[in-house]
Amino acid sequence: MRSIRVHGNIVEVDFIGHGTHTGDLVLGEALTIPATGRTTELPFHDRLEIRDGLIVSAELDFDTEEMKRRLLG
């Protein structure tokens, strides 16, 4: 976890995700990356909207081009 910011009912979280690419990664309708077996990490930004104690929307942002470079070499 790099940072957490709260602005009213909006929570923004910056973190480093890490893992091993063991299954198909679907990045929208136009791109699927088959499993590579590579282990990597990448920064992410998550924006959550909270209402009545529940998450009502979530947006996860990351650099898809960097993800492709790290997984495909």
PDB file of N, CA and C in Angstrom:
ATOM      1  N   MET A   1       0.844  -1.159   0.000  1.00  0.00           N
ATOM      2  CA  MET A   1       0.000   0.000   0.000  1.00  0.00           C
ATOM      3  C   MET A   1       0.898   1.233   0.000  1.00  0.00           C
ATOM      4  N   ARG A   2       0.671   2.085  -0.960  1.00  0.00           N
ATOM      5  CA  ARG A   2       1.484   3.302  -1.034  1.00  0.00           C
ATOM      6  C   ARG A   2       0.770   4.478  -0.382  1.00  0.00           C
ATOM      7  N   SER A   3      -0.536   4.610  -0.645  1.00  0.00           N
ATOM      8  CA  SER A   3      -1.271   5.714  -0.015  1.00  0.00           C
ATOM      9  C   SER A   3      -2.774   5.443  -0.081  1.00  0.00           C
ATOM     10  N   ILE A   4      -3.477   6.044   0.876  1.00  0.00           N
ATOM     11  CA  ILE A   4      -4.945   6.021   0.922  1.00  0.00           C
ATOM     12  C   ILE A   4      -5.398   7.444   1.198  1.00  0.00           C
ATOM     13  N   ARG A   5      -6.313   7.943   0.370  1.00  0.00           N
ATOM     14  CA  ARG A   5      -6.867   9.279   0.559  1.00  0.00           C
ATOM     15  C   ARG A   5      -8.386   9.181   0.578  1.00  0.00           C
ATOM     16  N   VAL A   6      -8.998   9.936   1.486  1.00  0.00           N
ATOM     17  CA  VAL A   6     -10.455   9.946   1.600  1.00  0.00           C
ATOM     18  C   VAL A   6     -10.949  11.356   1.330  1.00  0.00           C
ATOM     19  N   HIS A   7     -11.898  11.467   0.405  1.00  0.00           N
ATOM     20  CA  HIS A   7     -12.510  12.750   0.037  1.00  0.00           C
ATOM     21  C   HIS A   7     -14.020  12.560   0.107  1.00  0.00           C
ATOM     22  N   GLY A   8     -14.616  12.801   1.277  1.00  0.00           N
ATOM     23  CA  GLY A   8     -16.056  12.569   1.418  1.00  0.00           C
ATOM     24  C   GLY A   8     -16.359  11.093   1.258  1.00  0.00           C
ATOM     25  N   ASN A   9     -17.183  10.746   0.245  1.00  0.00           N
ATOM     26  CA  ASN A   9     -17.534   9.338   0.048  1.00  0.00           C
ATOM     27  C   ASN A   9     -16.641   8.650  -0.997  1.00  0.00           C
ATOM     28  N   ILE A  10     -15.538   9.298  -1.379  1.00  0.00           N
ATOM     29  CA  ILE A  10     -14.586   8.734  -2.344  1.00  0.00           C
ATOM     30  C   ILE A  10     -13.299   8.342  -1.614  1.00  0.00           C
ATOM     31  N   VAL A  11     -12.846   7.115  -1.862  1.00  0.00           N
ATOM     32  CA  VAL A  11     -11.591   6.628  -1.303  1.00  0.00           C
ATOM     33  C   VAL A  11     -10.668   6.295  -2.473  1.00  0.00           C
ATOM     34  N   GLU A  12      -9.450   6.848  -2.441  1.00  0.00           N
ATOM     35  CA  GLU A  12      -8.464   6.566  -3.481  1.00  0.00           C
ATOM     36  C   GLU A  12      -7.293   5.828  -2.862  1.00  0.00           C
ATOM     37  N   VAL A  13      -6.912   4.718  -3.495  1.00  0.00           N
ATOM     38  CA  VAL A  13      -5.858   3.863  -2.971  1.00  0.00           C
ATOM     39  C   VAL A  13      -4.811   3.653  -4.059  1.00  0.00           C
ATOM     40  N   ASP A  14      -3.558   3.913  -3.730  1.00  0.00           N
ATOM     41  CA  ASP A  14      -2.443   3.610  -4.620  1.00  0.00           C
ATOM     42  C   ASP A  14      -1.677   2.449  -4.003  1.00  0.00           C
ATOM     43  N   PHE A  15      -1.397   1.440  -4.827  1.00  0.00           N
ATOM     44  CA  PHE A  15      -0.711   0.261  -4.311  1.00  0.00           C
ATOM     45  C   PHE A  15       0.098  -0.405  -5.418  1.00  0.00           C
ATOM     46  N   ILE A  16       1.001  -1.275  -5.001  1.00  0.00           N
ATOM     47  CA  ILE A  16       1.786  -2.074  -5.928  1.00  0.00           C
ATOM     48  C   ILE A  16       1.185  -3.480  -5.921  1.00  0.00           C
ATOM     49  N   GLY A  17       0.696  -3.902  -7.086  1.00  0.00           N
ATOM     50  CA  GLY A  17       0.183  -5.259  -7.224  1.00  0.00           C
ATOM     51  C   GLY A  17       1.304  -6.159  -7.705  1.00  0.00           C
ATOM     52  N   HIS A  18       1.315  -7.390  -7.237  1.00  0.00           N
ATOM     53  CA  HIS A  18       2.336  -8.329  -7.692  1.00  0.00           C
ATOM     54  C   HIS A  18       1.734  -9.720  -7.786  1.00  0.00           C
ATOM     55  N   GLY A  19       2.246 -10.493  -8.714  1.00  0.00           N
ATOM     56  CA  GLY A  19       1.732 -11.843  -8.877  1.00  0.00           C
ATOM     57  C   GLY A  19       2.413 -12.549 -10.029  1.00  0.00           C
ATOM     58  N   THR A  20       1.957 -13.786 -10.247  1.00  0.00           N
ATOM     59  CA  THR A  20       2.463 -14.610 -11.331  1.00  0.00           C
ATOM     60  C   THR A  20       1.339 -14.816 -12.336  1.00  0.00           C
ATOM     61  N   HIS A  21       1.640 -14.582 -13.600  1.00  0.00           N
ATOM     62  CA  HIS A  21       0.657 -14.633 -14.682  1.00  0.00           C
ATOM     63  C   HIS A  21       0.437 -16.090 -15.085  1.00  0.00           C
ATOM     64  N   THR A  22      -0.576 -16.736 -14.473  1.00  0.00           N
ATOM     65  CA  THR A  22      -0.809 -18.163 -14.677  1.00  0.00           C
ATOM     66  C   THR A  22      -2.043 -18.472 -15.513  1.00  0.00           C
ATOM     67  N   GLY A  23      -2.813 -17.467 -15.861  1.00  0.00           N
ATOM     68  CA  GLY A  23      -4.014 -17.686 -16.670  1.00  0.00           C
ATOM     69  C   GLY A  23      -4.201 -16.540 -17.637  1.00  0.00           C
ATOM     70  N   ASP A  24      -5.146 -16.697 -18.565  1.00  0.00           N
ATOM     71  CA  ASP A  24      -5.405 -15.635 -19.531  1.00  0.00           C
ATOM     72  C   ASP A  24      -5.751 -14.333 -18.823  1.00  0.00           C
ATOM     73  N   LEU A  25      -5.156 -13.234 -19.289  1.00  0.00           N
ATOM     74  CA  LEU A  25      -5.451 -11.897 -18.772  1.00  0.00           C
ATOM     75  C   LEU A  25      -6.242 -11.166 -19.847  1.00  0.00           C
ATOM     76  N   VAL A  26      -7.500 -10.886 -19.560  1.00  0.00           N
ATOM     77  CA  VAL A  26      -8.379 -10.221 -20.517  1.00  0.00           C
ATOM     78  C   VAL A  26      -8.372  -8.727 -20.211  1.00  0.00           C
ATOM     79  N   LEU A  27      -7.891  -7.940 -21.161  1.00  0.00           N
ATOM     80  CA  LEU A  27      -7.834  -6.479 -21.018  1.00  0.00           C
ATOM     81  C   LEU A  27      -8.788  -5.878 -22.040  1.00  0.00           C
ATOM     82  N   GLY A  28     -10.058  -5.977 -21.777  1.00  0.00           N
ATOM     83  CA  GLY A  28     -11.067  -5.482 -22.708  1.00  0.00           C
ATOM     84  C   GLY A  28     -11.348  -6.496 -23.801  1.00  0.00           C
ATOM     85  N   GLU A  29     -12.190  -6.109 -24.734  1.00  0.00           N
ATOM     86  CA  GLU A  29     -12.588  -7.017 -25.805  1.00  0.00           C
ATOM     87  C   GLU A  29     -11.481  -7.251 -26.824  1.00  0.00           C
ATOM     88  N   ALA A  30     -10.558  -6.293 -26.935  1.00  0.00           N
ATOM     89  CA  ALA A  30      -9.557  -6.347 -28.008  1.00  0.00           C
ATOM     90  C   ALA A  30      -8.275  -7.077 -27.635  1.00  0.00           C
ATOM     91  N   LEU A  31      -8.045  -7.363 -26.356  1.00  0.00           N
ATOM     92  CA  LEU A  31      -6.751  -7.920 -25.978  1.00  0.00           C
ATOM     93  C   LEU A  31      -6.876  -8.967 -24.886  1.00  0.00           C
ATOM     94  N   THR A  32      -6.348 -10.148 -25.168  1.00  0.00           N
ATOM     95  CA  THR A  32      -6.196 -11.211 -24.176  1.00  0.00           C
ATOM     96  C   THR A  32      -4.755 -11.683 -24.252  1.00  0.00           C
ATOM     97  N   ILE A  33      -4.086 -11.715 -23.103  1.00  0.00           N
ATOM     98  CA  ILE A  33      -2.701 -12.182 -23.046  1.00  0.00           C
ATOM     99  C   ILE A  33      -2.707 -13.575 -22.423  1.00  0.00           C
ATOM    100  N   PRO A  34      -2.334 -14.605 -23.204  1.00  0.00           N
ATOM    101  CA  PRO A  34      -2.268 -15.962 -22.644  1.00  0.00           C
ATOM    102  C   PRO A  34      -1.217 -16.031 -21.534  1.00  0.00           C
ATOM    103  N   ALA A  35      -1.389 -16.991 -20.635  1.00  0.00           N
ATOM    104  CA  ALA A  35      -0.473 -17.154 -19.496  1.00  0.00           C
ATOM    105  C   ALA A  35       0.975 -17.214 -19.952  1.00  0.00           C
ATOM    106  N   THR A  36       1.844 -16.477 -19.248  1.00  0.00           N
ATOM    107  CA  THR A  36       3.279 -16.464 -19.559  1.00  0.00           C
ATOM    108  C   THR A  36       4.110 -17.127 -18.463  1.00  0.00           C
ATOM    109  N   GLY A  37       3.532 -17.273 -17.273  1.00  0.00           N
ATOM    110  CA  GLY A  37       4.288 -17.820 -16.150  1.00  0.00           C
ATOM    111  C   GLY A  37       5.234 -16.812 -15.519  1.00  0.00           C
ATOM    112  N   ARG A  38       5.245 -15.582 -16.021  1.00  0.00           N
ATOM    113  CA  ARG A  38       6.148 -14.553 -15.478  1.00  0.00           C
ATOM    114  C   ARG A  38       5.593 -13.958 -14.191  1.00  0.00           C
ATOM    115  N   THR A  39       6.504 -13.634 -13.283  1.00  0.00           N
ATOM    116  CA  THR A  39       6.156 -12.940 -12.054  1.00  0.00           C
ATOM    117  C   THR A  39       6.568 -11.489 -12.216  1.00  0.00           C
ATOM    118  N   THR A  40       5.669 -10.572 -11.838  1.00  0.00           N
ATOM    119  CA  THR A  40       5.962  -9.151 -11.995  1.00  0.00           C
ATOM    120  C   THR A  40       5.181  -8.342 -10.967  1.00  0.00           C
ATOM    121  N   GLU A  41       5.443  -7.047 -10.962  1.00  0.00           N
ATOM    122  CA  GLU A  41       4.673  -6.124 -10.120  1.00  0.00           C
ATOM    123  C   GLU A  41       4.429  -4.852 -10.913  1.00  0.00           C
ATOM    124  N   LEU A  42       3.382  -4.118 -10.515  1.00  0.00           N
ATOM    125  CA  LEU A  42       2.972  -2.940 -11.257  1.00  0.00           C
ATOM    126  C   LEU A  42       2.188  -2.019 -10.328  1.00  0.00           C
ATOM    127  N   PRO A  43       2.368  -0.696 -10.449  1.00  0.00           N
ATOM    128  CA  PRO A  43       1.567   0.224  -9.637  1.00  0.00           C
ATOM    129  C   PRO A  43       0.117   0.305 -10.150  1.00  0.00           C
ATOM    130  N   PHE A  44      -0.807   0.408  -9.213  1.00  0.00           N
ATOM    131  CA  PHE A  44      -2.230   0.530  -9.509  1.00  0.00           C
ATOM    132  C   PHE A  44      -2.828   1.702  -8.729  1.00  0.00           C
ATOM    133  N   HIS A  45      -3.933   2.222  -9.231  1.00  0.00           N
ATOM    134  CA  HIS A  45      -4.704   3.262  -8.551  1.00  0.00           C
ATOM    135  C   HIS A  45      -6.155   2.806  -8.555  1.00  0.00           C
ATOM    136  N   ASP A  46      -6.752   2.724  -7.375  1.00  0.00           N
ATOM    137  CA  ASP A  46      -8.146   2.298  -7.236  1.00  0.00           C
ATOM    138  C   ASP A  46      -8.955   3.458  -6.679  1.00  0.00           C
ATOM    139  N   ARG A  47     -10.101   3.727  -7.279  1.00  0.00           N
ATOM    140  CA  ARG A  47     -11.001   4.785  -6.810  1.00  0.00           C
ATOM    141  C   ARG A  47     -12.324   4.133  -6.449  1.00  0.00           C
ATOM    142  N   LEU A  48     -12.696   4.223  -5.182  1.00  0.00           N
ATOM    143  CA  LEU A  48     -13.913   3.592  -4.671  1.00  0.00           C
ATOM    144  C   LEU A  48     -14.904   4.646  -4.225  1.00  0.00           C
ATOM    145  N   GLU A  49     -16.168   4.442  -4.548  1.00  0.00           N
ATOM    146  CA  GLU A  49     -17.228   5.303  -4.039  1.00  0.00           C
ATOM    147  C   GLU A  49     -18.009   4.498  -3.008  1.00  0.00           C
ATOM    148  N   ILE A  50     -18.144   5.067  -1.810  1.00  0.00           N
ATOM    149  CA  ILE A  50     -18.791   4.388  -0.693  1.00  0.00           C
ATOM    150  C   ILE A  50     -20.116   5.090  -0.374  1.00  0.00           C
ATOM    151  N   ARG A  51     -21.186   4.309  -0.253  1.00  0.00           N
ATOM    152  CA  ARG A  51     -22.486   4.840   0.188  1.00  0.00           C
ATOM    153  C   ARG A  51     -23.098   3.877   1.188  1.00  0.00           C
ATOM    154  N   ASP A  52     -23.498   4.407   2.326  1.00  0.00           N
ATOM    155  CA  ASP A  52     -24.119   3.596   3.386  1.00  0.00           C
ATOM    156  C   ASP A  52     -23.254   2.391   3.753  1.00  0.00           C
ATOM    157  N   GLY A  53     -21.938   2.605   3.764  1.00  0.00           N
ATOM    158  CA  GLY A  53     -21.010   1.555   4.169  1.00  0.00           C
ATOM    159  C   GLY A  53     -20.718   0.517   3.100  1.00  0.00           C
ATOM    160  N   LEU A  54     -21.239   0.705   1.886  1.00  0.00           N
ATOM    161  CA  LEU A  54     -21.033  -0.252   0.803  1.00  0.00           C
ATOM    162  C   LEU A  54     -20.290   0.394  -0.359  1.00  0.00           C
ATOM    163  N   ILE A  55     -19.479  -0.379  -1.038  1.00  0.00           N
ATOM    164  CA  ILE A  55     -18.827   0.103  -2.262  1.00  0.00           C
ATOM    165  C   ILE A  55     -19.858   0.070  -3.371  1.00  0.00           C
ATOM    166  N   VAL A  56     -20.158   1.244  -3.946  1.00  0.00           N
ATOM    167  CA  VAL A  56     -21.164   1.322  -5.011  1.00  0.00           C
ATOM    168  C   VAL A  56     -20.531   1.468  -6.388  1.00  0.00           C
ATOM    169  N   SER A  57     -19.255   1.852  -6.436  1.00  0.00           N
ATOM    170  CA  SER A  57     -18.526   1.854  -7.708  1.00  0.00           C
ATOM    171  C   SER A  57     -17.041   1.749  -7.431  1.00  0.00           C
ATOM    172  N   ALA A  58     -16.335   1.170  -8.394  1.00  0.00           N
ATOM    173  CA  ALA A  58     -14.891   1.005  -8.276  1.00  0.00           C
ATOM    174  C   ALA A  58     -14.268   1.172  -9.651  1.00  0.00           C
ATOM    175  N   GLU A  59     -13.176   1.911  -9.703  1.00  0.00           N
ATOM    176  CA  GLU A  59     -12.421   2.103 -10.945  1.00  0.00           C
ATOM    177  C   GLU A  59     -10.970   1.775 -10.652  1.00  0.00           C
ATOM    178  N   LEU A  60     -10.423   0.807 -11.379  1.00  0.00           N
ATOM    179  CA  LEU A  60      -9.029   0.417 -11.212  1.00  0.00           C
ATOM    180  C   LEU A  60      -8.250   0.886 -12.429  1.00  0.00           C
ATOM    181  N   ASP A  61      -7.221   1.689 -12.202  1.00  0.00           N
ATOM    182  CA  ASP A  61      -6.398   2.216 -13.286  1.00  0.00           C
ATOM    183  C   ASP A  61      -4.977   1.683 -13.169  1.00  0.00           C
ATOM    184  N   PHE A  62      -4.403   1.345 -14.333  1.00  0.00           N
ATOM    185  CA  PHE A  62      -3.000   0.954 -14.405  1.00  0.00           C
ATOM    186  C   PHE A  62      -2.545   1.119 -15.844  1.00  0.00           C
ATOM    187  N   ASP A  63      -1.243   1.087 -16.041  1.00  0.00           N
ATOM    188  CA  ASP A  63      -0.646   1.292 -17.351  1.00  0.00           C
ATOM    189  C   ASP A  63      -0.671  -0.028 -18.129  1.00  0.00           C
ATOM    190  N   THR A  64      -1.640  -0.173 -19.042  1.00  0.00           N
ATOM    191  CA  THR A  64      -1.782  -1.431 -19.780  1.00  0.00           C
ATOM    192  C   THR A  64      -0.576  -1.706 -20.685  1.00  0.00           C
ATOM    193  N   GLU A  65       0.009  -0.661 -21.245  1.00  0.00           N
ATOM    194  CA  GLU A  65       1.193  -0.862 -22.092  1.00  0.00           C
ATOM    195  C   GLU A  65       2.358  -1.399 -21.268  1.00  0.00           C
ATOM    196  N   GLU A  66       2.524  -0.877 -20.053  1.00  0.00           N
ATOM    197  CA  GLU A  66       3.592  -1.372 -19.178  1.00  0.00           C
ATOM    198  C   GLU A  66       3.294  -2.813 -18.761  1.00  0.00           C
ATOM    199  N   MET A  67       2.029  -3.136 -18.503  1.00  0.00           N
ATOM    200  CA  MET A  67       1.651  -4.504 -18.158  1.00  0.00           C
ATOM    201  C   MET A  67       2.032  -5.445 -19.309  1.00  0.00           C
ATOM    202  N   LYS A  68       1.719  -5.050 -20.528  1.00  0.00           N
ATOM    203  CA  LYS A  68       2.059  -5.878 -21.687  1.00  0.00           C
ATOM    204  C   LYS A  68       3.573  -6.045 -21.818  1.00  0.00           C
ATOM    205  N   ARG A  69       4.343  -4.976 -21.629  1.00  0.00           N
ATOM    206  CA  ARG A  69       5.807  -5.068 -21.706  1.00  0.00           C
ATOM    207  C   ARG A  69       6.359  -6.039 -20.673  1.00  0.00           C
ATOM    208  N   ARG A  70       5.840  -5.960 -19.471  1.00  0.00           N
ATOM    209  CA  ARG A  70       6.360  -6.818 -18.392  1.00  0.00           C
ATOM    210  C   ARG A  70       5.981  -8.274 -18.601  1.00  0.00           C
ATOM    211  N   LEU A  71       4.801  -8.525 -19.159  1.00  0.00           N
ATOM    212  CA  LEU A  71       4.373  -9.916 -19.340  1.00  0.00           C
ATOM    213  C   LEU A  71       4.888 -10.534 -20.629  1.00  0.00           C
ATOM    214  N   LEU A  72       5.030  -9.720 -21.674  1.00  0.00           N
ATOM    215  CA  LEU A  72       5.422 -10.276 -22.965  1.00  0.00           C
ATOM    216  C   LEU A  72       6.893 -10.082 -23.301  1.00  0.00           C
ATOM    217  N   GLY A  73       7.556  -9.230 -22.503  1.00  0.00           N
ATOM    218  CA  GLY A  73       8.992  -9.042 -22.681  1.00  0.00           C
ATOM    219  C   GLY A  73       9.415  -8.116 -23.734  1.00  0.00           C
TER     220      GLY A  73
END
